[in-house]
C-alpha atoms as a PDB file:
ATOM      1  CA  MET A   1      23.479 -18.505 -15.464  1.00  0.00           C
ATOM      2  CA  LYS A   2      22.768 -17.706 -11.664  1.00  0.00           C
ATOM      3  CA  SER A   3      19.524 -17.345 -10.488  1.00  0.00           C
ATOM      4  CA  PRO A   4      18.514 -14.159  -8.754  1.00  0.00           C
ATOM      5  CA  ASP A   5      18.947 -14.380  -5.006  1.00  0.00           C
ATOM      6  CA  MET A   6      15.534 -14.735  -3.325  1.00  0.00           C
ATOM      7  CA  ASN A   7      16.478 -13.200  -0.133  1.00  0.00           C
ATOM      8  CA  GLN A   8      17.383  -9.874  -1.836  1.00  0.00           C
ATOM      9  CA  GLN A   9      15.092  -7.288  -0.525  1.00  0.00           C
ATOM     10  CA  LEU A  10      13.000  -5.282  -3.185  1.00  0.00           C
ATOM     11  CA  PRO A  11      12.721  -1.441  -2.465  1.00  0.00           C
ATOM     12  CA  GLN A  12       9.766  -0.721  -0.453  1.00  0.00           C
ATOM     13  CA  TYR A  13       7.445   2.236  -0.016  1.00  0.00           C
ATOM     14  CA  ARG A  14       5.705   2.720   3.564  1.00  0.00           C
ATOM     15  CA  SER A  15       3.293   5.006   4.515  1.00  0.00           C
ATOM     16  CA  TYR A  16       1.107   5.275   7.757  1.00  0.00           C
ATOM     17  CA  ASP A  17      -1.787   6.850   5.850  1.00  0.00           C
ATOM     18  CA  LEU A  18      -4.825   4.567   5.462  1.00  0.00           C
ATOM     19  CA  GLY A  19      -6.555   6.714   2.629  1.00  0.00           C
ATOM     20  CA  LEU A  20      -3.271   6.508   0.420  1.00  0.00           C
ATOM     21  CA  ALA A  21      -2.810   2.646   1.146  1.00  0.00           C
ATOM     22  CA  SER A  22      -6.454   2.023   0.300  1.00  0.00           C
ATOM     23  CA  ALA A  23      -6.407   4.015  -2.949  1.00  0.00           C
ATOM     24  CA  LEU A  24      -3.098   2.183  -3.894  1.00  0.00           C
ATOM     25  CA  VAL A  25      -4.837  -1.159  -3.174  1.00  0.00           C
ATOM     26  CA  HIS A  26      -7.777   0.130  -5.137  1.00  0.00           C
ATOM     27  CA  VAL A  27      -5.913   1.012  -8.324  1.00  0.00           C
ATOM     28  CA  GLY A  28      -4.100  -2.239  -8.296  1.00  0.00           C
ATOM     29  CA  PHE A  29      -0.997  -2.257  -6.228  1.00  0.00           C
ATOM     30  CA  SER A  30      -0.438  -5.079  -3.573  1.00  0.00           C
ATOM     31  CA  LEU A  31      -0.066  -4.429   0.058  1.00  0.00           C
ATOM     32  CA  LEU A  32       2.958  -6.672   0.931  1.00  0.00           C
ATOM     33  CA  GLU A  33       2.514  -6.316   4.634  1.00  0.00           C
ATOM     34  CA  LEU A  34       1.662  -4.430   7.752  1.00  0.00           C
ATOM     35  CA  ASP A  35       4.160  -3.200  10.118  1.00  0.00           C
ATOM     36  CA  ARG A  36       3.342  -2.643  13.715  1.00  0.00           C
ATOM     37  CA  GLY A  37       6.537  -1.677  15.014  1.00  0.00           C
ATOM     38  CA  ASN A  38       5.446   1.827  16.100  1.00  0.00           C
ATOM     39  CA  GLY A  39       3.129   1.059  18.935  1.00  0.00           C
ATOM     40  CA  LYS A  40      -0.597   1.613  17.838  1.00  0.00           C
ATOM     41  CA  LYS A  41       0.111   2.942  14.369  1.00  0.00           C
ATOM     42  CA  VAL A  42       0.215   0.652  11.369  1.00  0.00           C
ATOM     43  CA  GLU A  43       2.512   0.959   8.483  1.00  0.00           C
ATOM     44  CA  PHE A  44       1.556  -0.113   5.126  1.00  0.00           C
ATOM     45  CA  ILE A  45       4.380  -1.559   2.978  1.00  0.00           C
ATOM     46  CA  PHE A  46       4.248  -1.634  -0.931  1.00  0.00           C
ATOM     47  CA  THR A  47       7.060  -2.562  -3.356  1.00  0.00           C
ATOM     48  CA  LYS A  48       8.481   0.545  -4.498  1.00  0.00           C
ATOM     49  CA  THR A  49       8.136   1.117  -8.384  1.00  0.00           C
ATOM     50  CA  PRO A  50       7.984   4.272 -10.698  1.00  0.00           C
ATOM     51  CA  GLU A  51       4.441   3.566 -11.177  1.00  0.00           C
ATOM     52  CA  LEU A  52       3.545   3.512  -7.533  1.00  0.00           C
ATOM     53  CA  GLU A  53       5.544   6.528  -6.903  1.00  0.00           C
ATOM     54  CA  GLU A  54       3.560   8.337  -9.804  1.00  0.00           C
ATOM     55  CA  ALA A  55       0.366   7.137  -8.207  1.00  0.00           C
ATOM     56  CA  VAL A  56       1.229   8.567  -4.797  1.00  0.00           C
ATOM     57  CA  LYS A  57       2.252  11.973  -6.412  1.00  0.00           C
ATOM     58  CA  ARG A  58      -1.459  11.803  -8.291  1.00  0.00           C
ATOM     59  CA  PHE A  59      -3.087  11.118  -4.690  1.00  0.00           C
ATOM     60  CA  TRP A  60      -1.421  13.857  -2.959  1.00  0.00           C
ATOM     61  CA  SER A  61      -2.208  16.315  -5.630  1.00  0.00           C
ATOM     62  CA  GLY A  62      -5.745  15.238  -5.958  1.00  0.00           C
ATOM     63  CA  GLU A  63      -5.315  13.851  -9.433  1.00  0.00           C
ATOM     64  CA  LEU A  64      -5.859  10.426  -8.846  1.00  0.00           C
ATOM     65  CA  SER A  65      -9.282   9.430  -9.607  1.00  0.00           C
ATOM     66  CA  VAL A  66     -11.137   6.328  -8.043  1.00  0.00           C
ATOM     67  CA  ASP A  67     -14.871   5.401  -8.145  1.00  0.00           C
ATOM     68  CA  ALA A  68     -16.260   5.994  -4.672  1.00  0.00           C
ATOM     69  CA  GLN A  69     -17.686   2.532  -4.267  1.00  0.00           C
ATOM     70  CA  GLY A  70     -14.561   0.799  -5.006  1.00  0.00           C
ATOM     71  CA  TYR A  71     -12.631   3.114  -2.818  1.00  0.00           C
ATOM     72  CA  PHE A  72     -14.929   2.290   0.059  1.00  0.00           C
ATOM     73  CA  GLU A  73     -14.255  -1.287  -0.504  1.00  0.00           C
ATOM     74  CA  ALA A  74     -10.492  -0.913  -0.571  1.00  0.00           C
ATOM     75  CA  ILE A  75     -10.615   0.902   2.763  1.00  0.00           C
ATOM     76  CA  ARG A  76     -12.938  -2.069   4.216  1.00  0.00           C
ATOM     77  CA  SER A  77     -10.393  -4.445   2.894  1.00  0.00           C
ATOM     78  CA  VAL A  78      -7.522  -2.731   4.228  1.00  0.00           C
ATOM     79  CA  LYS A  79      -9.059  -2.258   7.660  1.00  0.00           C
ATOM     80  CA  ASN A  80     -10.009  -6.181   7.771  1.00  0.00           C
ATOM     81  CA  ARG A  81      -6.442  -6.756   7.083  1.00  0.00           C
ATOM     82  CA  ILE A  82      -5.260  -4.623   9.988  1.00  0.00           C
ATOM     83  CA  TYR A  83      -7.904  -6.056  12.594  1.00  0.00           C
ATOM     84  CA  SER A  84      -7.658  -9.765  11.410  1.00  0.00           C
ATOM     85  CA  SER A  85      -3.749  -9.888  11.872  1.00  0.00           C
ATOM     86  CA  GLU A  86      -3.444  -8.312  15.426  1.00  0.00           C
END
């Protein structure tokens, strides 16, 4: 039996939106990496799954509920990641 190709790229979900990225991190999705390829903007990269796509839809429709303190901590965590990897 063949082992899966470790170099095979997983589908990615990408966004420049800090609020969305922070909400996704807060509800349990892993931020894979940051892409600084577009000048000063940072693109947030997640593994694309049906669950993540549903969370994104719920975020934009205002149906994704998170606790305020946890969301604030997620924003701070994502910002720390942005500035610590410059």
